[in-house]
């Protein structure tokens, strides 16, 4: 299961169009090959590699109006196939 983690996750609409997923003041346990994934419509999609386990980061969200907005985030170690953190996404 998920290990202790902290921080805020939210989506932001960009002035030039599109949206980003923002991780603010976050801290997750250290692990190799950390990946950020979002859940939308019951399916997880990778947004890419997490650049460190503490701080602020932003990830562009895929633009697909046919799919529902992302509802959950998880951070996983791809090598260990372990979830290190999960959170609901604030719109």
N, C-alpha and C. Protein backbone atom coordinates (compact mmCIF):
# COMPACT_ATOMS: atom_id res chain seq x y z
N UNK A 1 0.81 -1.19 0.00
CA UNK A 1 0.00 0.00 0.00
C UNK A 1 0.85 1.25 0.00
N UNK A 2 0.20 2.39 -0.03
CA UNK A 2 0.91 3.66 -0.05
C UNK A 2 1.60 3.91 1.29
N UNK A 3 2.75 4.57 1.21
CA UNK A 3 3.53 4.92 2.40
C UNK A 3 3.25 6.38 2.76
N UNK A 4 3.72 6.83 3.95
CA UNK A 4 3.47 8.22 4.33
C UNK A 4 4.04 9.20 3.30
N UNK A 5 3.23 10.15 2.94
CA UNK A 5 3.61 11.20 2.00
C UNK A 5 2.83 12.45 2.38
N UNK A 6 3.27 13.60 1.89
CA UNK A 6 2.56 14.84 2.18
C UNK A 6 2.66 15.79 1.01
N UNK A 7 1.77 16.78 1.00
CA UNK A 7 1.79 17.79 -0.05
C UNK A 7 0.40 18.03 -0.60
N UNK A 8 0.34 18.86 -1.64
CA UNK A 8 -0.92 19.24 -2.27
C UNK A 8 -0.84 18.92 -3.75
N UNK A 9 -1.91 18.36 -4.29
CA UNK A 9 -2.00 18.10 -5.73
C UNK A 9 -3.25 18.78 -6.26
N UNK A 10 -3.10 19.49 -7.38
CA UNK A 10 -4.23 20.18 -7.98
C UNK A 10 -3.97 20.36 -9.47
N UNK A 11 -5.03 20.64 -10.21
CA UNK A 11 -4.88 20.95 -11.63
C UNK A 11 -5.01 22.46 -11.80
N UNK A 12 -4.29 22.97 -12.79
CA UNK A 12 -4.34 24.40 -13.11
C UNK A 12 -4.54 24.56 -14.61
N UNK A 13 -5.43 25.46 -14.98
CA UNK A 13 -5.64 25.79 -16.39
C UNK A 13 -4.63 26.87 -16.77
N UNK A 14 -3.95 26.68 -17.90
CA UNK A 14 -2.96 27.64 -18.37
C UNK A 14 -3.62 28.71 -19.23
N UNK A 15 -3.11 29.93 -19.17
CA UNK A 15 -3.66 31.03 -19.97
C UNK A 15 -3.59 30.71 -21.46
N UNK A 16 -2.51 30.06 -21.88
CA UNK A 16 -2.33 29.74 -23.30
C UNK A 16 -3.08 28.48 -23.72
N UNK A 17 -3.84 27.90 -22.81
CA UNK A 17 -4.62 26.70 -23.10
C UNK A 17 -3.97 25.47 -22.47
N UNK A 18 -4.76 24.47 -22.25
CA UNK A 18 -4.27 23.24 -21.63
C UNK A 18 -4.29 23.33 -20.12
N UNK A 19 -3.91 22.22 -19.50
CA UNK A 19 -3.87 22.13 -18.05
C UNK A 19 -2.60 21.44 -17.61
N UNK A 20 -2.19 21.73 -16.37
CA UNK A 20 -1.06 21.04 -15.76
C UNK A 20 -1.49 20.49 -14.41
N UNK A 21 -0.85 19.42 -14.01
CA UNK A 21 -1.02 18.85 -12.68
C UNK A 21 0.13 19.41 -11.84
N UNK A 22 -0.22 20.07 -10.74
CA UNK A 22 0.79 20.70 -9.88
C UNK A 22 0.94 19.91 -8.58
N UNK A 23 2.17 19.59 -8.23
CA UNK A 23 2.50 19.00 -6.94
C UNK A 23 3.20 20.10 -6.15
N UNK A 24 2.64 20.47 -5.01
CA UNK A 24 3.21 21.56 -4.22
C UNK A 24 3.57 21.07 -2.83
N UNK A 25 4.73 21.53 -2.38
CA UNK A 25 5.20 21.20 -1.03
C UNK A 25 5.09 19.70 -0.74
N UNK A 26 5.44 18.89 -1.74
CA UNK A 26 5.25 17.45 -1.57
C UNK A 26 6.53 16.78 -1.06
N UNK A 27 6.32 15.64 -0.44
CA UNK A 27 7.41 14.80 0.05
C UNK A 27 6.92 13.36 -0.02
N UNK A 28 7.67 12.52 -0.72
CA UNK A 28 7.38 11.09 -0.80
C UNK A 28 8.64 10.33 -0.43
N UNK A 29 8.51 9.08 -0.01
CA UNK A 29 9.69 8.29 0.32
C UNK A 29 10.62 8.17 -0.90
N UNK A 30 11.91 8.05 -0.65
CA UNK A 30 12.87 7.86 -1.73
C UNK A 30 12.74 6.45 -2.29
N UNK A 31 12.83 6.36 -3.60
CA UNK A 31 12.80 5.07 -4.29
C UNK A 31 13.30 5.31 -5.71
N UNK A 32 13.80 4.27 -6.36
CA UNK A 32 14.27 4.45 -7.74
C UNK A 32 13.12 4.54 -8.74
N UNK A 33 13.35 5.29 -9.79
CA UNK A 33 12.44 5.36 -10.94
C UNK A 33 11.01 5.70 -10.53
N UNK A 34 10.85 6.84 -9.86
CA UNK A 34 9.52 7.28 -9.44
C UNK A 34 8.74 7.81 -10.63
N UNK A 35 7.48 7.40 -10.76
CA UNK A 35 6.60 7.80 -11.86
C UNK A 35 5.32 8.42 -11.31
N UNK A 36 4.85 9.45 -12.00
CA UNK A 36 3.59 10.11 -11.65
C UNK A 36 2.51 9.58 -12.59
N UNK A 37 1.41 9.10 -12.01
CA UNK A 37 0.30 8.56 -12.80
C UNK A 37 -1.00 9.20 -12.34
N UNK A 38 -1.91 9.41 -13.29
CA UNK A 38 -3.23 9.94 -12.95
C UNK A 38 -4.29 8.91 -13.32
N UNK A 39 -5.40 8.94 -12.57
CA UNK A 39 -6.52 8.06 -12.87
C UNK A 39 -7.66 8.90 -13.41
N UNK A 40 -8.19 8.49 -14.54
CA UNK A 40 -9.36 9.14 -15.13
C UNK A 40 -10.23 8.04 -15.72
N UNK A 41 -11.47 7.99 -15.32
CA UNK A 41 -12.38 6.98 -15.83
C UNK A 41 -11.97 5.56 -15.49
N UNK A 42 -11.32 5.38 -14.33
CA UNK A 42 -10.91 4.05 -13.89
C UNK A 42 -9.62 3.53 -14.50
N UNK A 43 -8.93 4.34 -15.29
CA UNK A 43 -7.69 3.91 -15.95
C UNK A 43 -6.55 4.85 -15.57
N UNK A 44 -5.38 4.28 -15.23
CA UNK A 44 -4.21 5.09 -14.89
C UNK A 44 -3.37 5.36 -16.14
N UNK A 45 -2.87 6.61 -16.23
CA UNK A 45 -2.01 7.04 -17.33
C UNK A 45 -0.77 7.67 -16.73
N UNK A 46 0.41 7.32 -17.24
CA UNK A 46 1.66 7.90 -16.75
C UNK A 46 1.87 9.29 -17.32
N UNK A 47 2.28 10.22 -16.43
CA UNK A 47 2.66 11.57 -16.86
C UNK A 47 4.17 11.71 -16.98
N UNK A 48 4.90 10.70 -16.53
CA UNK A 48 6.36 10.73 -16.65
C UNK A 48 7.06 10.57 -15.32
N UNK A 49 8.36 10.80 -15.35
CA UNK A 49 9.21 10.60 -14.18
C UNK A 49 9.11 11.76 -13.20
N UNK A 50 9.13 11.44 -11.92
CA UNK A 50 9.19 12.44 -10.87
C UNK A 50 10.65 12.85 -10.73
N UNK A 51 10.92 14.14 -10.68
CA UNK A 51 12.29 14.65 -10.61
C UNK A 51 12.63 14.96 -9.16
N UNK A 52 12.92 13.95 -8.39
CA UNK A 52 13.19 14.12 -6.97
C UNK A 52 11.99 13.75 -6.14
N UNK A 53 12.20 13.63 -4.83
CA UNK A 53 11.11 13.18 -3.97
C UNK A 53 10.59 14.27 -3.03
N UNK A 54 11.06 15.53 -3.21
CA UNK A 54 10.64 16.64 -2.36
C UNK A 54 10.53 17.90 -3.22
N UNK A 55 9.53 18.74 -2.97
CA UNK A 55 9.48 20.06 -3.61
C UNK A 55 8.22 20.36 -4.38
N UNK A 56 8.40 21.02 -5.53
CA UNK A 56 7.31 21.46 -6.40
C UNK A 56 7.58 20.93 -7.80
N UNK A 57 6.55 20.44 -8.46
CA UNK A 57 6.69 19.99 -9.84
C UNK A 57 5.36 20.15 -10.55
N UNK A 58 5.44 20.28 -11.88
CA UNK A 58 4.23 20.40 -12.69
C UNK A 58 4.36 19.47 -13.90
N UNK A 59 3.25 18.87 -14.29
CA UNK A 59 3.21 17.94 -15.41
C UNK A 59 2.06 18.31 -16.33
N UNK A 60 2.33 18.48 -17.63
CA UNK A 60 1.22 18.75 -18.56
C UNK A 60 0.24 17.58 -18.55
N UNK A 61 -1.05 17.91 -18.56
CA UNK A 61 -2.08 16.88 -18.62
C UNK A 61 -2.46 16.62 -20.07
N UNK A 62 -2.68 15.36 -20.43
CA UNK A 62 -3.11 15.05 -21.80
C UNK A 62 -4.44 15.74 -22.09
N UNK A 63 -4.55 16.29 -23.28
CA UNK A 63 -5.80 16.95 -23.67
C UNK A 63 -6.64 16.00 -24.50
N UNK A 64 -7.75 15.55 -23.92
CA UNK A 64 -8.65 14.65 -24.61
C UNK A 64 -10.05 14.88 -24.07
N UNK A 65 -10.84 15.72 -24.75
CA UNK A 65 -12.16 16.06 -24.22
C UNK A 65 -13.10 14.86 -24.09
N UNK A 66 -12.80 13.75 -24.76
CA UNK A 66 -13.66 12.57 -24.69
C UNK A 66 -13.48 11.82 -23.37
N UNK A 67 -12.38 12.09 -22.65
CA UNK A 67 -12.12 11.39 -21.39
C UNK A 67 -12.47 12.27 -20.20
N UNK A 68 -12.87 11.66 -19.09
CA UNK A 68 -13.19 12.45 -17.89
C UNK A 68 -11.93 13.09 -17.30
N UNK A 69 -12.14 14.12 -16.49
CA UNK A 69 -11.03 14.79 -15.80
C UNK A 69 -10.37 13.81 -14.84
N UNK A 70 -9.06 13.96 -14.62
CA UNK A 70 -8.38 13.06 -13.67
C UNK A 70 -8.91 13.25 -12.26
N UNK A 71 -9.05 12.14 -11.55
CA UNK A 71 -9.62 12.20 -10.20
C UNK A 71 -8.62 11.79 -9.12
N UNK A 72 -7.61 10.99 -9.47
CA UNK A 72 -6.62 10.52 -8.50
C UNK A 72 -5.22 10.58 -9.08
N UNK A 73 -4.27 10.71 -8.19
CA UNK A 73 -2.85 10.70 -8.52
C UNK A 73 -2.20 9.56 -7.75
N UNK A 74 -1.23 8.93 -8.36
CA UNK A 74 -0.40 8.02 -7.58
C UNK A 74 1.04 8.19 -8.04
N UNK A 75 1.95 7.98 -7.10
CA UNK A 75 3.38 8.00 -7.38
C UNK A 75 3.88 6.60 -7.10
N UNK A 76 4.51 6.02 -8.13
CA UNK A 76 4.95 4.63 -8.05
C UNK A 76 6.43 4.49 -8.37
N UNK A 77 7.05 3.49 -7.77
CA UNK A 77 8.38 3.08 -8.18
C UNK A 77 8.19 2.05 -9.28
N UNK A 78 8.59 2.40 -10.50
CA UNK A 78 8.41 1.48 -11.63
C UNK A 78 9.26 0.23 -11.46
N UNK A 79 10.42 0.37 -10.85
CA UNK A 79 11.31 -0.78 -10.67
C UNK A 79 10.72 -1.76 -9.66
N UNK A 80 10.27 -1.24 -8.50
CA UNK A 80 9.73 -2.10 -7.45
C UNK A 80 8.24 -2.39 -7.64
N UNK A 81 7.59 -1.72 -8.62
CA UNK A 81 6.15 -1.87 -8.85
C UNK A 81 5.36 -1.66 -7.56
N UNK A 82 5.73 -0.57 -6.84
CA UNK A 82 5.14 -0.25 -5.56
C UNK A 82 4.58 1.17 -5.58
N UNK A 83 3.37 1.34 -5.05
CA UNK A 83 2.79 2.68 -4.92
C UNK A 83 3.32 3.32 -3.64
N UNK A 84 3.89 4.53 -3.78
CA UNK A 84 4.45 5.24 -2.64
C UNK A 84 3.52 6.32 -2.11
N UNK A 85 2.63 6.82 -2.94
CA UNK A 85 1.68 7.85 -2.52
C UNK A 85 0.47 7.85 -3.42
N UNK A 86 -0.68 8.22 -2.84
CA UNK A 86 -1.93 8.38 -3.60
C UNK A 86 -2.66 9.58 -3.03
N UNK A 87 -3.39 10.27 -3.90
CA UNK A 87 -4.16 11.43 -3.45
C UNK A 87 -5.28 11.72 -4.42
N UNK A 88 -6.36 12.31 -3.90
CA UNK A 88 -7.41 12.84 -4.78
C UNK A 88 -6.88 14.12 -5.40
N UNK A 89 -7.30 14.39 -6.62
CA UNK A 89 -6.89 15.60 -7.34
C UNK A 89 -7.94 16.67 -7.14
N UNK A 90 -7.51 17.84 -6.69
CA UNK A 90 -8.41 18.98 -6.51
C UNK A 90 -8.56 19.70 -7.85
N UNK A 91 -9.78 19.90 -8.33
CA UNK A 91 -9.95 20.58 -9.63
C UNK A 91 -9.59 22.05 -9.55
